[in-house]
Each structure stands twice: as C-alpha cells, then as structure tokens.
Amino acid sequence: MTSCTSISYGKHLNAMLEIEGSAEKVLKKLARDGTPKRLDLPVVDKNEGWPK
C-alpha cells in the first residue's frame, strides 16, 4: 500500500510539504476522523464460533 500511495500521491505530498513547511502541518490538513469501513471489523472473542 505504501508503494501505491507513493506512486499516486508522492509528488502531491512533496508540493504540500514545500508549501506547508512541515510534515505535521501536511498531515493535519489531510487527516480525517474515523476508520476506513474496510478496516472496521467486529471484535470476536477468542474461539467464538469454533467447535470446542
């Protein structure tokens, strides 16, 4: 995923870094609250659903 992100957004991030002056400011502008839906998985108790 890092490689794909670098290819897709690397130049944009470099431009933002040059304009904003720090990585912290760039991340503050880009960050969003929450978790991606594909990563929002239910928590399953150990061995739940498995025969004993």
C-alpha atoms as a PDB file:
ATOM      1  CA  MET A   1       0.000   0.000   0.000  1.00  0.00           C
ATOM      2  CA  THR A   2       2.890   2.364   0.716  1.00  0.00           C
ATOM      3  CA  SER A   3       4.269   1.841  -2.788  1.00  0.00           C
ATOM      4  CA  CYS A   4       0.886   2.575  -4.395  1.00  0.00           C
ATOM      5  CA  THR A   5       0.430   5.667  -2.224  1.00  0.00           C
ATOM      6  CA  SER A   6       3.908   6.899  -3.147  1.00  0.00           C
ATOM      7  CA  ILE A   7       3.195   6.492  -6.866  1.00  0.00           C
ATOM      8  CA  SER A   8      -0.256   8.069  -6.652  1.00  0.00           C
ATOM      9  CA  TYR A   9       0.381  10.894  -4.185  1.00  0.00           C
ATOM     10  CA  GLY A  10       4.147  11.311  -3.788  1.00  0.00           C
ATOM     11  CA  LYS A  11       4.506  14.433  -5.930  1.00  0.00           C
ATOM     12  CA  HIS A  12       1.404  15.985  -4.377  1.00  0.00           C
ATOM     13  CA  LEU A  13       2.780  15.368  -0.882  1.00  0.00           C
ATOM     14  CA  ASN A  14       6.133  16.891  -1.870  1.00  0.00           C
ATOM     15  CA  ALA A  15       4.363  20.022  -3.132  1.00  0.00           C
ATOM     16  CA  MET A  16       2.291  20.258   0.051  1.00  0.00           C
ATOM     17  CA  LEU A  17       5.403  19.808   2.192  1.00  0.00           C
ATOM     18  CA  GLU A  18       7.147  22.611   0.331  1.00  0.00           C
ATOM     19  CA  ILE A  19       4.147  24.924   0.794  1.00  0.00           C
ATOM     20  CA  GLU A  20       3.273  23.993   4.397  1.00  0.00           C
ATOM     21  CA  GLY A  21       6.859  23.688   5.643  1.00  0.00           C
ATOM     22  CA  SER A  22       6.451  20.609   7.848  1.00  0.00           C
ATOM     23  CA  ALA A  23       5.107  17.068   7.665  1.00  0.00           C
ATOM     24  CA  GLU A  24       2.976  17.724  10.754  1.00  0.00           C
ATOM     25  CA  LYS A  25       1.109  20.550   9.004  1.00  0.00           C
ATOM     26  CA  VAL A  26       0.578  18.394   5.892  1.00  0.00           C
ATOM     27  CA  LEU A  27      -0.810  15.517   7.970  1.00  0.00           C
ATOM     28  CA  LYS A  28      -3.055  17.878   9.915  1.00  0.00           C
ATOM     29  CA  LYS A  29      -4.593  19.077   6.621  1.00  0.00           C
ATOM     30  CA  LEU A  30      -5.020  15.555   5.217  1.00  0.00           C
ATOM     31  CA  ALA A  31      -6.093  13.565   8.292  1.00  0.00           C
ATOM     32  CA  ARG A  32      -9.740  12.636   8.790  1.00  0.00           C
ATOM     33  CA  ASP A  33     -11.549  11.248  11.822  1.00  0.00           C
ATOM     34  CA  GLY A  34     -12.639   7.630  11.908  1.00  0.00           C
ATOM     35  CA  THR A  35     -11.557   4.332  10.448  1.00  0.00           C
ATOM     36  CA  PRO A  36     -11.953   3.158   6.845  1.00  0.00           C
ATOM     37  CA  LYS A  37     -15.019   0.914   6.562  1.00  0.00           C
ATOM     38  CA  ARG A  38     -12.877  -1.923   5.179  1.00  0.00           C
ATOM     39  CA  LEU A  39     -10.880  -1.887   8.439  1.00  0.00           C
ATOM     40  CA  ASP A  40     -13.880  -1.531  10.780  1.00  0.00           C
ATOM     41  CA  LEU A  41     -14.130  -5.216  11.702  1.00  0.00           C
ATOM     42  CA  PRO A  42     -16.097  -6.713  14.580  1.00  0.00           C
ATOM     43  CA  VAL A  43     -14.166  -7.867  17.633  1.00  0.00           C
ATOM     44  CA  VAL A  44     -14.642 -11.613  18.050  1.00  0.00           C
ATOM     45  CA  ASP A  45     -13.908 -13.253  21.371  1.00  0.00           C
ATOM     46  CA  LYS A  46     -11.235 -15.952  21.308  1.00  0.00           C
ATOM     47  CA  ASN A  47     -12.661 -19.243  19.968  1.00  0.00           C
ATOM     48  CA  GLU A  48     -16.119 -17.752  19.412  1.00  0.00           C
ATOM     49  CA  GLY A  49     -17.885 -19.669  16.684  1.00  0.00           C
ATOM     50  CA  TRP A  50     -15.393 -22.543  16.709  1.00  0.00           C
ATOM     51  CA  PRO A  51     -16.315 -26.021  17.939  1.00  0.00           C
ATOM     52  CA  LYS A  52     -14.756 -26.909  21.281  1.00  0.00           C
END
